[in-house]
Amino acid sequence: MLKVVIPKDFKKMLTALGKSDRVGKSAAQKAQAACTQAQLDGDIQLPRTKHGESRLHCDKYDLGDGYRLVTQKIKSDTETNLIMLFVGSHAEVKSKICCKFSSLRLSLFSIDRSSSGVRESVRD
């Protein structure tokens, strides 16, 4: 079973993007639709970028006009968590996600096995 996790930081990014210009608002609407689609269907029907983020075990989706949605799947014994990591411009993705986490070799989020949930804290 797929559980979609939407961290507080992601919600803030989505809200800020929705309040930006017309293009940003359109990207925010597509990202919100992708979150809903993932919760209902267990999949996101957006085109993936050509290269994704294989170094980080993430999926990067093209929202159009230079905007991206970045997600990560983490599987546990009982469920699969789809974590919404980032939404924003390609430049923001590059600077905030790639540079900050490029040295990580494990999942960005740790699984709390005691409650079968996902902690919203990023590993250091």
PDB file of N, CA and C in Angstrom:
ATOM      1  N   MET A   1       0.835  -1.187   0.000  1.00  0.00           N
ATOM      2  CA  MET A   1       0.000   0.000   0.000  1.00  0.00           C
ATOM      3  C   MET A   1       0.882   1.255   0.000  1.00  0.00           C
ATOM      4  N   LEU A   2       0.502   2.236  -0.806  1.00  0.00           N
ATOM      5  CA  LEU A   2       1.272   3.468  -0.912  1.00  0.00           C
ATOM      6  C   LEU A   2       0.706   4.519   0.022  1.00  0.00           C
ATOM      7  N   LYS A   3       1.592   5.089   0.816  1.00  0.00           N
ATOM      8  CA  LYS A   3       1.226   6.183   1.712  1.00  0.00           C
ATOM      9  C   LYS A   3       1.952   7.434   1.221  1.00  0.00           C
ATOM     10  N   VAL A   4       1.202   8.479   0.917  1.00  0.00           N
ATOM     11  CA  VAL A   4       1.794   9.728   0.437  1.00  0.00           C
ATOM     12  C   VAL A   4       2.068  10.622   1.642  1.00  0.00           C
ATOM     13  N   VAL A   5       3.326  11.040   1.777  1.00  0.00           N
ATOM     14  CA  VAL A   5       3.747  11.891   2.887  1.00  0.00           C
ATOM     15  C   VAL A   5       4.040  13.281   2.329  1.00  0.00           C
ATOM     16  N   ILE A   6       3.351  14.273   2.886  1.00  0.00           N
ATOM     17  CA  ILE A   6       3.536  15.657   2.449  1.00  0.00           C
ATOM     18  C   ILE A   6       4.070  16.454   3.642  1.00  0.00           C
ATOM     19  N   PRO A   7       5.394  16.633   3.707  1.00  0.00           N
ATOM     20  CA  PRO A   7       5.998  17.362   4.831  1.00  0.00           C
ATOM     21  C   PRO A   7       5.576  18.835   4.867  1.00  0.00           C
ATOM     22  N   LYS A   8       5.715  19.447   6.030  1.00  0.00           N
ATOM     23  CA  LYS A   8       5.352  20.855   6.216  1.00  0.00           C
ATOM     24  C   LYS A   8       6.122  21.765   5.260  1.00  0.00           C
ATOM     25  N   ASP A   9       7.403  21.491   5.074  1.00  0.00           N
ATOM     26  CA  ASP A   9       8.211  22.322   4.178  1.00  0.00           C
ATOM     27  C   ASP A   9       7.668  22.280   2.748  1.00  0.00           C
ATOM     28  N   PHE A  10       7.221  21.107   2.317  1.00  0.00           N
ATOM     29  CA  PHE A  10       6.666  20.979   0.975  1.00  0.00           C
ATOM     30  C   PHE A  10       5.391  21.807   0.850  1.00  0.00           C
ATOM     31  N   LYS A  11       4.546  21.752   1.875  1.00  0.00           N
ATOM     32  CA  LYS A  11       3.301  22.545   1.858  1.00  0.00           C
ATOM     33  C   LYS A  11       3.606  24.031   1.751  1.00  0.00           C
ATOM     34  N   LYS A  12       4.651  24.484   2.462  1.00  0.00           N
ATOM     35  CA  LYS A  12       5.048  25.891   2.406  1.00  0.00           C
ATOM     36  C   LYS A  12       5.529  26.266   0.999  1.00  0.00           C
ATOM     37  N   MET A  13       6.329  25.377   0.392  1.00  0.00           N
ATOM     38  CA  MET A  13       6.815  25.632  -0.975  1.00  0.00           C
ATOM     39  C   MET A  13       5.648  25.710  -1.953  1.00  0.00           C
ATOM     40  N   LEU A  14       4.690  24.797  -1.800  1.00  0.00           N
ATOM     41  CA  LEU A  14       3.521  24.752  -2.682  1.00  0.00           C
ATOM     42  C   LEU A  14       2.681  26.016  -2.535  1.00  0.00           C
ATOM     43  N   THR A  15       2.484  26.467  -1.311  1.00  0.00           N
ATOM     44  CA  THR A  15       1.714  27.693  -1.054  1.00  0.00           C
ATOM     45  C   THR A  15       2.422  28.911  -1.648  1.00  0.00           C
ATOM     46  N   ALA A  16       3.725  29.011  -1.428  1.00  0.00           N
ATOM     47  CA  ALA A  16       4.492  30.144  -1.961  1.00  0.00           C
ATOM     48  C   ALA A  16       4.470  30.152  -3.485  1.00  0.00           C
ATOM     49  N   LEU A  17       4.616  28.990  -4.089  1.00  0.00           N
ATOM     50  CA  LEU A  17       4.600  28.895  -5.543  1.00  0.00           C
ATOM     51  C   LEU A  17       3.230  29.285  -6.093  1.00  0.00           C
ATOM     52  N   GLY A  18       2.177  28.894  -5.397  1.00  0.00           N
ATOM     53  CA  GLY A  18       0.824  29.239  -5.813  1.00  0.00           C
ATOM     54  C   GLY A  18       0.530  30.722  -5.740  1.00  0.00           C
ATOM     55  N   LYS A  19       1.280  31.444  -4.914  1.00  0.00           N
ATOM     56  CA  LYS A  19       1.091  32.889  -4.774  1.00  0.00           C
ATOM     57  C   LYS A  19       2.009  33.688  -5.697  1.00  0.00           C
ATOM     58  N   SER A  20       2.831  33.002  -6.469  1.00  0.00           N
ATOM     59  CA  SER A  20       3.761  33.703  -7.360  1.00  0.00           C
ATOM     60  C   SER A  20       3.052  34.082  -8.664  1.00  0.00           C
ATOM     61  N   ASP A  21       3.790  34.243  -9.722  1.00  0.00           N
ATOM     62  CA  ASP A  21       3.206  34.663 -11.001  1.00  0.00           C
ATOM     63  C   ASP A  21       2.313  33.572 -11.608  1.00  0.00           C
ATOM     64  N   ARG A  22       1.764  33.871 -12.766  1.00  0.00           N
ATOM     65  CA  ARG A  22       0.841  32.958 -13.445  1.00  0.00           C
ATOM     66  C   ARG A  22       1.470  31.598 -13.726  1.00  0.00           C
ATOM     67  N   VAL A  23       2.710  31.580 -14.164  1.00  0.00           N
ATOM     68  CA  VAL A  23       3.400  30.329 -14.484  1.00  0.00           C
ATOM     69  C   VAL A  23       3.648  29.513 -13.218  1.00  0.00           C
ATOM     70  N   GLY A  24       4.055  30.172 -12.150  1.00  0.00           N
ATOM     71  CA  GLY A  24       4.273  29.487 -10.877  1.00  0.00           C
ATOM     72  C   GLY A  24       2.984  28.917 -10.323  1.00  0.00           C
ATOM     73  N   LYS A  25       1.909  29.681 -10.462  1.00  0.00           N
ATOM     74  CA  LYS A  25       0.605  29.215  -9.989  1.00  0.00           C
ATOM     75  C   LYS A  25       0.175  27.963 -10.750  1.00  0.00           C
ATOM     76  N   SER A  26       0.422  27.937 -12.046  1.00  0.00           N
ATOM     77  CA  SER A  26       0.093  26.766 -12.862  1.00  0.00           C
ATOM     78  C   SER A  26       0.907  25.547 -12.422  1.00  0.00           C
ATOM     79  N   ALA A  27       2.187  25.761 -12.137  1.00  0.00           N
ATOM     80  CA  ALA A  27       3.058  24.672 -11.661  1.00  0.00           C
ATOM     81  C   ALA A  27       2.576  24.153 -10.309  1.00  0.00           C
ATOM     82  N   ALA A  28       2.158  25.064  -9.427  1.00  0.00           N
ATOM     83  CA  ALA A  28       1.657  24.665  -8.110  1.00  0.00           C
ATOM     84  C   ALA A  28       0.386  23.827  -8.255  1.00  0.00           C
ATOM     85  N   GLN A  29      -0.491  24.217  -9.182  1.00  0.00           N
ATOM     86  CA  GLN A  29      -1.725  23.457  -9.412  1.00  0.00           C
ATOM     87  C   GLN A  29      -1.409  22.050  -9.927  1.00  0.00           C
ATOM     88  N   LYS A  30      -0.434  21.946 -10.819  1.00  0.00           N
ATOM     89  CA  LYS A  30      -0.032  20.620 -11.338  1.00  0.00           C
ATOM     90  C   LYS A  30       0.568  19.764 -10.234  1.00  0.00           C
ATOM     91  N   ALA A  31       1.375  20.377  -9.378  1.00  0.00           N
ATOM     92  CA  ALA A  31       1.981  19.636  -8.265  1.00  0.00           C
ATOM     93  C   ALA A  31       0.915  19.165  -7.279  1.00  0.00           C
ATOM     94  N   GLN A  32      -0.049  20.036  -6.988  1.00  0.00           N
ATOM     95  CA  GLN A  32      -1.147  19.664  -6.091  1.00  0.00           C
ATOM     96  C   GLN A  32      -1.961  18.522  -6.692  1.00  0.00           C
ATOM     97  N   ALA A  33      -2.212  18.579  -7.990  1.00  0.00           N
ATOM     98  CA  ALA A  33      -2.941  17.510  -8.674  1.00  0.00           C
ATOM     99  C   ALA A  33      -2.148  16.202  -8.621  1.00  0.00           C
ATOM    100  N   ALA A  34      -0.819  16.296  -8.732  1.00  0.00           N
ATOM    101  CA  ALA A  34       0.024  15.100  -8.655  1.00  0.00           C
ATOM    102  C   ALA A  34      -0.041  14.476  -7.262  1.00  0.00           C
ATOM    103  N   CYS A  35      -0.075  15.301  -6.219  1.00  0.00           N
ATOM    104  CA  CYS A  35      -0.209  14.796  -4.847  1.00  0.00           C
ATOM    105  C   CYS A  35      -1.535  14.049  -4.684  1.00  0.00           C
ATOM    106  N   THR A  36      -2.602  14.651  -5.178  1.00  0.00           N
ATOM    107  CA  THR A  36      -3.931  14.037  -5.092  1.00  0.00           C
ATOM    108  C   THR A  36      -3.974  12.742  -5.891  1.00  0.00           C
ATOM    109  N   GLN A  37      -3.406  12.776  -7.094  1.00  0.00           N
ATOM    110  CA  GLN A  37      -3.377  11.592  -7.947  1.00  0.00           C
ATOM    111  C   GLN A  37      -2.604  10.454  -7.285  1.00  0.00           C
ATOM    112  N   ALA A  38      -1.496  10.777  -6.652  1.00  0.00           N
ATOM    113  CA  ALA A  38      -0.703   9.758  -5.962  1.00  0.00           C
ATOM    114  C   ALA A  38      -1.501   9.136  -4.817  1.00  0.00           C
ATOM    115  N   GLN A  39      -2.253   9.968  -4.092  1.00  0.00           N
ATOM    116  CA  GLN A  39      -3.058   9.462  -2.980  1.00  0.00           C
ATOM    117  C   GLN A  39      -4.193   8.566  -3.470  1.00  0.00           C
ATOM    118  N   LEU A  40      -4.779   8.907  -4.610  1.00  0.00           N
ATOM    119  CA  LEU A  40      -5.916   8.147  -5.131  1.00  0.00           C
ATOM    120  C   LEU A  40      -5.501   6.921  -5.941  1.00  0.00           C
ATOM    121  N   ASP A  41      -4.502   7.105  -6.821  1.00  0.00           N
ATOM    122  CA  ASP A  41      -4.128   6.056  -7.761  1.00  0.00           C
ATOM    123  C   ASP A  41      -2.813   5.350  -7.435  1.00  0.00           C
ATOM    124  N   GLY A  42      -2.025   5.936  -6.536  1.00  0.00           N
ATOM    125  CA  GLY A  42      -0.731   5.352  -6.211  1.00  0.00           C
ATOM    126  C   GLY A  42       0.341   5.628  -7.246  1.00  0.00           C
ATOM    127  N   ASP A  43       0.079   6.587  -8.147  1.00  0.00           N
ATOM    128  CA  ASP A  43       1.042   6.893  -9.196  1.00  0.00           C
ATOM    129  C   ASP A  43       0.900   8.357  -9.598  1.00  0.00           C
ATOM    130  N   ILE A  44       1.960   8.908 -10.177  1.00  0.00           N
ATOM    131  CA  ILE A  44       1.943  10.278 -10.672  1.00  0.00           C
ATOM    132  C   ILE A  44       2.061  10.224 -12.186  1.00  0.00           C
ATOM    133  N   GLN A  45       1.115  10.826 -12.875  1.00  0.00           N
ATOM    134  CA  GLN A  45       1.088  10.811 -14.333  1.00  0.00           C
ATOM    135  C   GLN A  45       1.612  12.124 -14.908  1.00  0.00           C
ATOM    136  N   LEU A  46       2.828  12.461 -14.561  1.00  0.00           N
ATOM    137  CA  LEU A  46       3.509  13.623 -15.124  1.00  0.00           C
ATOM    138  C   LEU A  46       4.760  13.127 -15.836  1.00  0.00           C
ATOM    139  N   PRO A  47       5.223  13.851 -16.852  1.00  0.00           N
ATOM    140  CA  PRO A  47       6.467  13.428 -17.500  1.00  0.00           C
ATOM    141  C   PRO A  47       7.651  13.593 -16.551  1.00  0.00           C
ATOM    142  N   ARG A  48       8.523  12.605 -16.549  1.00  0.00           N
ATOM    143  CA  ARG A  48       9.750  12.703 -15.749  1.00  0.00           C
ATOM    144  C   ARG A  48      10.788  13.485 -16.534  1.00  0.00           C
ATOM    145  N   THR A  49      11.700  14.093 -15.804  1.00  0.00           N
ATOM    146  CA  THR A  49      12.786  14.796 -16.484  1.00  0.00           C
ATOM    147  C   THR A  49      13.712  13.759 -17.100  1.00  0.00           C
ATOM    148  N   LYS A  50      14.553  14.195 -17.984  1.00  0.00           N
ATOM    149  CA  LYS A  50      15.412  13.259 -18.721  1.00  0.00           C
ATOM    150  C   LYS A  50      16.380  12.509 -17.817  1.00  0.00           C
ATOM    151  N   HIS A  51      16.898  13.189 -16.806  1.00  0.00           N
ATOM    152  CA  HIS A  51      17.938  12.571 -15.986  1.00  0.00           C
ATOM    153  C   HIS A  51      17.500  12.229 -14.579  1.00  0.00           C
ATOM    154  N   GLY A  52      16.464  12.837 -14.071  1.00  0.00           N
ATOM    155  CA  GLY A  52      16.003  12.549 -12.714  1.00  0.00           C
ATOM    156  C   GLY A  52      17.080  12.842 -11.690  1.00  0.00           C
ATOM    157  N   GLU A  53      17.005  12.172 -10.584  1.00  0.00           N
ATOM    158  CA  GLU A  53      17.998  12.323  -9.516  1.00  0.00           C
ATOM    159  C   GLU A  53      18.397  10.942  -9.030  1.00  0.00           C
ATOM    160  N   SER A  54      18.956  10.155  -9.921  1.00  0.00           N
ATOM    161  CA  SER A  54      19.314   8.780  -9.574  1.00  0.00           C
ATOM    162  C   SER A  54      20.362   8.719  -8.465  1.00  0.00           C
ATOM    163  N   ARG A  55      21.194   9.746  -8.361  1.00  0.00           N
ATOM    164  CA  ARG A  55      22.192   9.764  -7.286  1.00  0.00           C
ATOM    165  C   ARG A  55      21.528   9.809  -5.926  1.00  0.00           C
ATOM    166  N   LEU A  56      20.337  10.393  -5.868  1.00  0.00           N
ATOM    167  CA  LEU A  56      19.635  10.585  -4.609  1.00  0.00           C
ATOM    168  C   LEU A  56      18.461   9.633  -4.441  1.00  0.00           C
ATOM    169  N   HIS A  57      18.268   8.745  -5.412  1.00  0.00           N
ATOM    170  CA  HIS A  57      17.142   7.811  -5.398  1.00  0.00           C
ATOM    171  C   HIS A  57      15.819   8.577  -5.347  1.00  0.00           C
ATOM    172  N   CYS A  58      15.732   9.610  -6.171  1.00  0.00           N
ATOM    173  CA  CYS A  58      14.546  10.451  -6.235  1.00  0.00           C
ATOM    174  C   CYS A  58      13.985  10.426  -7.653  1.00  0.00           C
ATOM    175  N   ASP A  59      12.729  10.780  -7.779  1.00  0.00           N
ATOM    176  CA  ASP A  59      12.106  10.970  -9.084  1.00  0.00           C
ATOM    177  C   ASP A  59      11.832  12.458  -9.247  1.00  0.00           C
ATOM    178  N   LYS A  60      12.182  12.970 -10.423  1.00  0.00           N
ATOM    179  CA  LYS A  60      11.995  14.389 -10.696  1.00  0.00           C
ATOM    180  C   LYS A  60      11.038  14.512 -11.873  1.00  0.00           C
ATOM    181  N   TYR A  61       9.937  15.240 -11.659  1.00  0.00           N
ATOM    182  CA  TYR A  61       8.891  15.400 -12.664  1.00  0.00           C
ATOM    183  C   TYR A  61       8.906  16.807 -13.227  1.00  0.00           C
ATOM    184  N   ASP A  62       8.580  16.913 -14.510  1.00  0.00           N
ATOM    185  CA  ASP A  62       8.533  18.198 -15.194  1.00  0.00           C
ATOM    186  C   ASP A  62       7.127  18.781 -15.081  1.00  0.00           C
ATOM    187  N   LEU A  63       7.016  19.931 -14.435  1.00  0.00           N
ATOM    188  CA  LEU A  63       5.729  20.621 -14.290  1.00  0.00           C
ATOM    189  C   LEU A  63       5.519  21.652 -15.394  1.00  0.00           C
ATOM    190  N   GLY A  64       6.485  21.783 -16.279  1.00  0.00           N
ATOM    191  CA  GLY A  64       6.409  22.747 -17.371  1.00  0.00           C
ATOM    192  C   GLY A  64       7.029  24.077 -17.015  1.00  0.00           C
ATOM    193  N   ASP A  65       7.466  24.796 -18.018  1.00  0.00           N
ATOM    194  CA  ASP A  65       8.025  26.138 -17.873  1.00  0.00           C
ATOM    195  C   ASP A  65       9.162  26.217 -16.859  1.00  0.00           C
ATOM    196  N   GLY A  66       9.961  25.159 -16.754  1.00  0.00           N
ATOM    197  CA  GLY A  66      11.131  25.181 -15.878  1.00  0.00           C
ATOM    198  C   GLY A  66      10.853  24.839 -14.430  1.00  0.00           C
ATOM    199  N   TYR A  67       9.678  24.330 -14.107  1.00  0.00           N
ATOM    200  CA  TYR A  67       9.339  23.950 -12.734  1.00  0.00           C
ATOM    201  C   TYR A  67       9.398  22.434 -12.577  1.00  0.00           C
ATOM    202  N   ARG A  68       9.761  21.995 -11.377  1.00  0.00           N
ATOM    203  CA  ARG A  68       9.950  20.571 -11.101  1.00  0.00           C
ATOM    204  C   ARG A  68       9.253  20.162  -9.808  1.00  0.00           C
ATOM    205  N   LEU A  69       8.897  18.881  -9.760  1.00  0.00           N
ATOM    206  CA  LEU A  69       8.399  18.219  -8.559  1.00  0.00           C
ATOM    207  C   LEU A  69       9.359  17.070  -8.280  1.00  0.00           C
ATOM    208  N   VAL A  70       9.885  16.999  -7.050  1.00  0.00           N
ATOM    209  CA  VAL A  70      10.823  15.942  -6.683  1.00  0.00           C
ATOM    210  C   VAL A  70      10.186  15.084  -5.589  1.00  0.00           C
ATOM    211  N   THR A  71      10.192  13.768  -5.812  1.00  0.00           N
ATOM    212  CA  THR A  71       9.622  12.823  -4.847  1.00  0.00           C
ATOM    213  C   THR A  71      10.629  11.718  -4.554  1.00  0.00           C
ATOM    214  N   GLN A  72      10.363  10.983  -3.481  1.00  0.00           N
ATOM    215  CA  GLN A  72      11.204   9.834  -3.145  1.00  0.00           C
ATOM    216  C   GLN A  72      10.314   8.738  -2.579  1.00  0.00           C
ATOM    217  N   LYS A  73      10.525   7.506  -3.057  1.00  0.00           N
ATOM    218  CA  LYS A  73       9.805   6.355  -2.508  1.00  0.00           C
ATOM    219  C   LYS A  73      10.708   5.623  -1.528  1.00  0.00           C
ATOM    220  N   ILE A  74      10.142   5.296  -0.388  1.00  0.00           N
ATOM    221  CA  ILE A  74      10.852   4.498   0.613  1.00  0.00           C
ATOM    222  C   ILE A  74       9.970   3.309   0.949  1.00  0.00           C
ATOM    223  N   LYS A  75      10.534   2.124   0.788  1.00  0.00           N
ATOM    224  CA  LYS A  75       9.773   0.908   1.070  1.00  0.00           C
ATOM    225  C   LYS A  75      10.150   0.348   2.432  1.00  0.00           C
ATOM    226  N   SER A  76       9.138  -0.041   3.186  1.00  0.00           N
ATOM    227  CA  SER A  76       9.351  -0.736   4.446  1.00  0.00           C
ATOM    228  C   SER A  76       8.744  -2.122   4.291  1.00  0.00           C
ATOM    229  N   ASP A  77       8.722  -2.874   5.362  1.00  0.00           N
ATOM    230  CA  ASP A  77       8.170  -4.224   5.305  1.00  0.00           C
ATOM    231  C   ASP A  77       6.678  -4.226   5.003  1.00  0.00           C
ATOM    232  N   THR A  78       5.965  -3.223   5.468  1.00  0.00           N
ATOM    233  CA  THR A  78       4.510  -3.237   5.371  1.00  0.00           C
ATOM    234  C   THR A  78       3.927  -2.242   4.379  1.00  0.00           C
ATOM    235  N   GLU A  79       4.681  -1.211   4.007  1.00  0.00           N
ATOM    236  CA  GLU A  79       4.117  -0.203   3.113  1.00  0.00           C
ATOM    237  C   GLU A  79       5.216   0.511   2.350  1.00  0.00           C
ATOM    238  N   THR A  80       4.772   1.261   1.354  1.00  0.00           N
ATOM    239  CA  THR A  80       5.675   2.113   0.588  1.00  0.00           C
ATOM    240  C   THR A  80       5.249   3.551   0.828  1.00  0.00           C
ATOM    241  N   ASN A  81       6.209   4.382   1.190  1.00  0.00           N
ATOM    242  CA  ASN A  81       5.951   5.808   1.427  1.00  0.00           C
ATOM    243  C   ASN A  81       6.441   6.599   0.220  1.00  0.00           C
ATOM    244  N   LEU A  82       5.581   7.442  -0.304  1.00  0.00           N
ATOM    245  CA  LEU A  82       5.963   8.374  -1.362  1.00  0.00           C
ATOM    246  C   LEU A  82       6.042   9.747  -0.715  1.00  0.00           C
ATOM    247  N   ILE A  83       7.245  10.289  -0.644  1.00  0.00           N
ATOM    248  CA  ILE A  83       7.478  11.553   0.043  1.00  0.00           C
ATOM    249  C   ILE A  83       7.615  12.672  -0.982  1.00  0.00           C
ATOM    250  N   MET A  84       6.823  13.694  -0.811  1.00  0.00           N
ATOM    251  CA  MET A  84       6.921  14.881  -1.650  1.00  0.00           C
ATOM    252  C   MET A  84       8.058  15.733  -1.074  1.00  0.00           C
ATOM    253  N   LEU A  85       9.149  15.816  -1.800  1.00  0.00           N
ATOM    254  CA  LEU A  85      10.336  16.492  -1.277  1.00  0.00           C
ATOM    255  C   LEU A  85      10.403  17.969  -1.628  1.00  0.00           C
ATOM    256  N   PHE A  86      10.115  18.289  -2.892  1.00  0.00           N
ATOM    257  CA  PHE A  86      10.379  19.658  -3.326  1.00  0.00           C
ATOM    258  C   PHE A  86       9.511  20.013  -4.517  1.00  0.00           C
ATOM    259  N   VAL A  87       9.094  21.248  -4.589  1.00  0.00           N
ATOM    260  CA  VAL A  87       8.441  21.799  -5.773  1.00  0.00           C
ATOM    261  C   VAL A  87       8.996  23.200  -5.966  1.00  0.00           C
ATOM    262  N   GLY A  88       9.388  23.509  -7.185  1.00  0.00           N
ATOM    263  CA  GLY A  88       9.946  24.820  -7.477  1.00  0.00           C
ATOM    264  C   GLY A  88      10.600  24.847  -8.831  1.00  0.00           C
ATOM    265  N   SER A  89      11.325  25.921  -9.090  1.00  0.00           N
ATOM    266  CA  SER A  89      11.992  26.069 -10.386  1.00  0.00           C
ATOM    267  C   SER A  89      13.164  25.099 -10.492  1.00  0.00           C
ATOM    268  N   HIS A  90      13.572  24.878 -11.719  1.00  0.00           N
ATOM    269  CA  HIS A  90      14.712  23.984 -11.959  1.00  0.00           C
ATOM    270  C   HIS A  90      15.950  24.473 -11.214  1.00  0.00           C
ATOM    271  N   ALA A  91      16.161  25.781 -11.212  1.00  0.00           N
ATOM    272  CA  ALA A  91      17.330  26.350 -10.524  1.00  0.00           C
ATOM    273  C   ALA A  91      17.247  26.101  -9.021  1.00  0.00           C
ATOM    274  N   GLU A  92      16.055  26.234  -8.453  1.00  0.00           N
ATOM    275  CA  GLU A  92      15.882  25.983  -7.017  1.00  0.00           C
ATOM    276  C   GLU A  92      16.129  24.515  -6.686  1.00  0.00           C
ATOM    277  N   VAL A  93      15.636  23.637  -7.544  1.00  0.00           N
ATOM    278  CA  VAL A  93      15.868  22.200  -7.334  1.00  0.00           C
ATOM    279  C   VAL A  93      17.358  21.926  -7.317  1.00  0.00           C
ATOM    280  N   LYS A  94      18.036  22.496  -8.280  1.00  0.00           N
ATOM    281  CA  LYS A  94      19.475  22.271  -8.395  1.00  0.00           C
ATOM    282  C   LYS A  94      20.225  22.775  -7.171  1.00  0.00           C
ATOM    283  N   SER A  95      19.894  23.981  -6.720  1.00  0.00           N
ATOM    284  CA  SER A  95      20.634  24.555  -5.596  1.00  0.00           C
ATOM    285  C   SER A  95      20.230  23.970  -4.248  1.00  0.00           C
ATOM    286  N   LYS A  96      18.945  23.745  -4.022  1.00  0.00           N
ATOM    287  CA  LYS A  96      18.496  23.308  -2.702  1.00  0.00           C
ATOM    288  C   LYS A  96      18.541  21.803  -2.507  1.00  0.00           C
ATOM    289  N   ILE A  97      18.243  21.040  -3.529  1.00  0.00           N
ATOM    290  CA  ILE A  97      18.212  19.588  -3.390  1.00  0.00           C
ATOM    291  C   ILE A  97      19.555  18.976  -3.759  1.00  0.00           C
ATOM    292  N   CYS A  98      19.996  19.205  -4.967  1.00  0.00           N
ATOM    293  CA  CYS A  98      21.200  18.529  -5.456  1.00  0.00           C
ATOM    294  C   CYS A  98      22.442  18.873  -4.646  1.00  0.00           C
ATOM    295  N   CYS A  99      22.686  20.157  -4.430  1.00  0.00           N
ATOM    296  CA  CYS A  99      23.887  20.552  -3.710  1.00  0.00           C
ATOM    297  C   CYS A  99      23.842  20.139  -2.247  1.00  0.00           C
ATOM    298  N   LYS A 100      22.701  20.328  -1.613  1.00  0.00           N
ATOM    299  CA  LYS A 100      22.575  20.050  -0.187  1.00  0.00           C
ATOM    300  C   LYS A 100      22.689  18.557   0.122  1.00  0.00           C
ATOM    301  N   PHE A 101      22.142  17.707  -0.752  1.00  0.00           N
ATOM    302  CA  PHE A 101      22.056  16.296  -0.443  1.00  0.00           C
ATOM    303  C   PHE A 101      22.905  15.403  -1.345  1.00  0.00           C
ATOM    304  N   SER A 102      23.742  15.954  -2.184  1.00  0.00           N
ATOM    305  CA  SER A 102      24.461  15.137  -3.162  1.00  0.00           C
ATOM    306  C   SER A 102      25.408  14.131  -2.523  1.00  0.00           C
ATOM    307  N   SER A 103      25.841  14.358  -1.309  1.00  0.00           N
ATOM    308  CA  SER A 103      26.765  13.426  -0.673  1.00  0.00           C
ATOM    309  C   SER A 103      26.048  12.262   0.020  1.00  0.00           C
ATOM    310  N   LEU A 104      24.720  12.334   0.124  1.00  0.00           N
ATOM    311  CA  LEU A 104      23.994  11.250   0.783  1.00  0.00           C
ATOM    312  C   LEU A 104      23.937  10.013  -0.108  1.00  0.00           C
ATOM    313  N   ARG A 105      24.071   8.862   0.493  1.00  0.00           N
ATOM    314  CA  ARG A 105      23.973   7.623  -0.248  1.00  0.00           C
ATOM    315  C   ARG A 105      22.750   6.811   0.163  1.00  0.00           C
ATOM    316  N   LEU A 106      22.124   7.232   1.248  1.00  0.00           N
ATOM    317  CA  LEU A 106      20.925   6.557   1.740  1.00  0.00           C
ATOM    318  C   LEU A 106      19.721   7.443   1.509  1.00  0.00           C
ATOM    319  N   SER A 107      18.583   7.001   1.918  1.00  0.00           N
ATOM    320  CA  SER A 107      17.362   7.775   1.767  1.00  0.00           C
ATOM    321  C   SER A 107      17.471   9.105   2.493  1.00  0.00           C
ATOM    322  N   LEU A 108      16.809  10.099   1.952  1.00  0.00           N
ATOM    323  CA  LEU A 108      16.844  11.419   2.567  1.00  0.00           C
ATOM    324  C   LEU A 108      16.065  11.450   3.868  1.00  0.00           C
ATOM    325  N   PHE A 109      15.044  10.640   3.962  1.00  0.00           N
ATOM    326  CA  PHE A 109      14.209  10.598   5.154  1.00  0.00           C
ATOM    327  C   PHE A 109      14.391   9.239   5.815  1.00  0.00           C
ATOM    328  N   SER A 110      14.370   9.237   7.110  1.00  0.00           N
ATOM    329  CA  SER A 110      14.529   7.987   7.833  1.00  0.00           C
ATOM    330  C   SER A 110      13.171   7.400   8.168  1.00  0.00           C
ATOM    331  N   ILE A 111      13.089   6.091   8.151  1.00  0.00           N
ATOM    332  CA  ILE A 111      11.846   5.407   8.467  1.00  0.00           C
ATOM    333  C   ILE A 111      11.822   5.101   9.947  1.00  0.00           C
ATOM    334  N   ASP A 112      10.755   5.497  10.587  1.00  0.00           N
ATOM    335  CA  ASP A 112      10.541   5.198  12.001  1.00  0.00           C
ATOM    336  C   ASP A 112       9.765   3.892  12.057  1.00  0.00           C
ATOM    337  N   ARG A 113      10.456   2.779  12.238  1.00  0.00           N
ATOM    338  CA  ARG A 113       9.845   1.454  12.181  1.00  0.00           C
ATOM    339  C   ARG A 113       8.854   1.211  13.313  1.00  0.00           C
ATOM    340  N   SER A 114       9.015   1.894  14.431  1.00  0.00           N
ATOM    341  CA  SER A 114       8.121   1.651  15.562  1.00  0.00           C
ATOM    342  C   SER A 114       6.688   2.089  15.263  1.00  0.00           C
ATOM    343  N   SER A 115       6.530   3.138  14.477  1.00  0.00           N
ATOM    344  CA  SER A 115       5.179   3.608  14.177  1.00  0.00           C
ATOM    345  C   SER A 115       4.826   3.415  12.708  1.00  0.00           C
ATOM    346  N   SER A 116       5.706   2.745  11.957  1.00  0.00           N
ATOM    347  CA  SER A 116       5.512   2.519  10.524  1.00  0.00           C
ATOM    348  C   SER A 116       5.266   3.821   9.770  1.00  0.00           C
ATOM    349  N   GLY A 117       5.886   4.883  10.228  1.00  0.00           N
ATOM    350  CA  GLY A 117       5.717   6.182   9.581  1.00  0.00           C
ATOM    351  C   GLY A 117       7.040   6.710   9.085  1.00  0.00           C
ATOM    352  N   VAL A 118       7.017   7.908   8.587  1.00  0.00           N
ATOM    353  CA  VAL A 118       8.221   8.542   8.093  1.00  0.00           C
ATOM    354  C   VAL A 118       8.445   9.804   8.899  1.00  0.00           C
ATOM    355  N   ARG A 119       9.634   9.935   9.421  1.00  0.00           N
ATOM    356  CA  ARG A 119       9.984  11.159  10.122  1.00  0.00           C
ATOM    357  C   ARG A 119      10.178  12.256   9.087  1.00  0.00           C
ATOM    358  N   GLU A 120       9.835  13.454   9.458  1.00  0.00           N
ATOM    359  CA  GLU A 120      10.009  14.564   8.522  1.00  0.00           C
ATOM    360  C   GLU A 120      11.387  15.181   8.629  1.00  0.00           C
ATOM    361  N   SER A 121      12.234  14.626   9.461  1.00  0.00           N
ATOM    362  CA  SER A 121      13.569  15.186   9.595  1.00  0.00           C
ATOM    363  C   SER A 121      14.501  14.551   8.575  1.00  0.00           C
ATOM    364  N   VAL A 122      15.400  15.363   8.060  1.00  0.00           N
ATOM    365  CA  VAL A 122      16.379  14.898   7.091  1.00  0.00           C
ATOM    366  C   VAL A 122      17.599  14.413   7.827  1.00  0.00           C
ATOM    367  N   ARG A 123      18.156  13.314   7.364  1.00  0.00           N
ATOM    368  CA  ARG A 123      19.389  12.825   7.982  1.00  0.00           C
ATOM    369  C   ARG A 123      20.522  13.786   7.731  1.00  0.00           C
ATOM    370  N   ASP A 124      21.389  13.932   8.697  1.00  0.00           N
ATOM    371  CA  ASP A 124      22.561  14.816   8.525  1.00  0.00           C
ATOM    372  C   ASP A 124      23.738  14.024   7.985  1.00  0.00           C
TER     373      ASP A 124
END
